[in-house]
Protein backbone atom coordinates (compact mmCIF):
# COMPACT_ATOMS: atom_id res chain seq x y z
CA UNK A 1 -38.39 -28.47 144.54
CA UNK A 2 -40.16 -29.67 141.40
CA UNK A 3 -39.38 -27.79 138.23
CA UNK A 4 -42.42 -26.04 136.80
CA UNK A 5 -42.76 -25.30 133.13
CA UNK A 6 -45.11 -22.75 131.70
CA UNK A 7 -46.11 -22.84 128.06
CA UNK A 8 -45.46 -19.63 126.19
CA UNK A 9 -48.49 -19.25 123.98
CA UNK A 10 -48.66 -17.62 120.58
CA UNK A 11 -51.58 -16.08 118.76
CA UNK A 12 -51.78 -19.43 116.95
CA UNK A 13 -51.93 -21.58 120.11
CA UNK A 14 -53.67 -19.29 122.62
CA UNK A 15 -57.11 -20.84 122.11
CA UNK A 16 -55.90 -24.46 122.08
CA UNK A 17 -56.40 -26.78 125.01
CA UNK A 18 -53.27 -28.32 126.58
CA UNK A 19 -54.24 -31.60 124.91
CA UNK A 20 -54.44 -29.94 121.49
CA UNK A 21 -51.03 -28.30 121.98
CA UNK A 22 -49.55 -31.63 123.05
CA UNK A 23 -51.05 -33.33 119.98
CA UNK A 24 -49.60 -30.62 117.73
CA UNK A 25 -46.16 -30.96 119.36
CA UNK A 26 -46.25 -34.72 118.82
CA UNK A 27 -47.35 -34.31 115.21
CA UNK A 28 -44.55 -31.83 114.49
CA UNK A 29 -41.91 -33.94 116.22
CA UNK A 30 -42.77 -36.87 113.91
CA UNK A 31 -42.58 -34.86 110.67
CA UNK A 32 -39.91 -35.32 108.05
CA UNK A 33 -37.80 -32.32 107.13
CA UNK A 34 -39.91 -31.72 104.01
CA UNK A 35 -43.21 -32.03 105.94
CA UNK A 36 -41.89 -29.61 108.57
CA UNK A 37 -40.92 -27.11 105.87
CA UNK A 38 -44.43 -27.31 104.35
CA UNK A 39 -46.03 -26.95 107.80
CA UNK A 40 -43.97 -23.86 108.63
CA UNK A 41 -44.77 -22.28 105.27
CA UNK A 42 -48.50 -22.87 105.82
CA UNK A 43 -48.64 -20.70 108.95
CA UNK A 44 -49.59 -17.04 108.80
CA UNK A 45 -46.62 -15.10 110.25
CA UNK A 46 -48.95 -12.37 111.51
CA UNK A 47 -50.54 -14.91 113.87
CA UNK A 48 -47.28 -16.28 115.24
CA UNK A 49 -46.44 -13.54 117.74
CA UNK A 50 -46.51 -14.12 121.47
CA UNK A 51 -49.80 -13.76 123.32
CA UNK A 52 -49.83 -12.20 126.77
CA UNK A 53 -46.63 -12.14 128.81
CA UNK A 54 -43.45 -12.39 126.79
CA UNK A 55 -40.64 -14.04 128.69
CA UNK A 56 -38.15 -16.83 128.51
């Protein structure tokens, strides 16, 4: 049986297309530690909660 993965969306990513989310994941994975720190600090924490079903 093939393993299925389901993206858990946040308020920040809920309106993004799968391609946009993939692009963001790639961008973040290529960041230096300092760039990642700046990126994280630029996000509004109030928009980072889960959207819809919360599960892991």
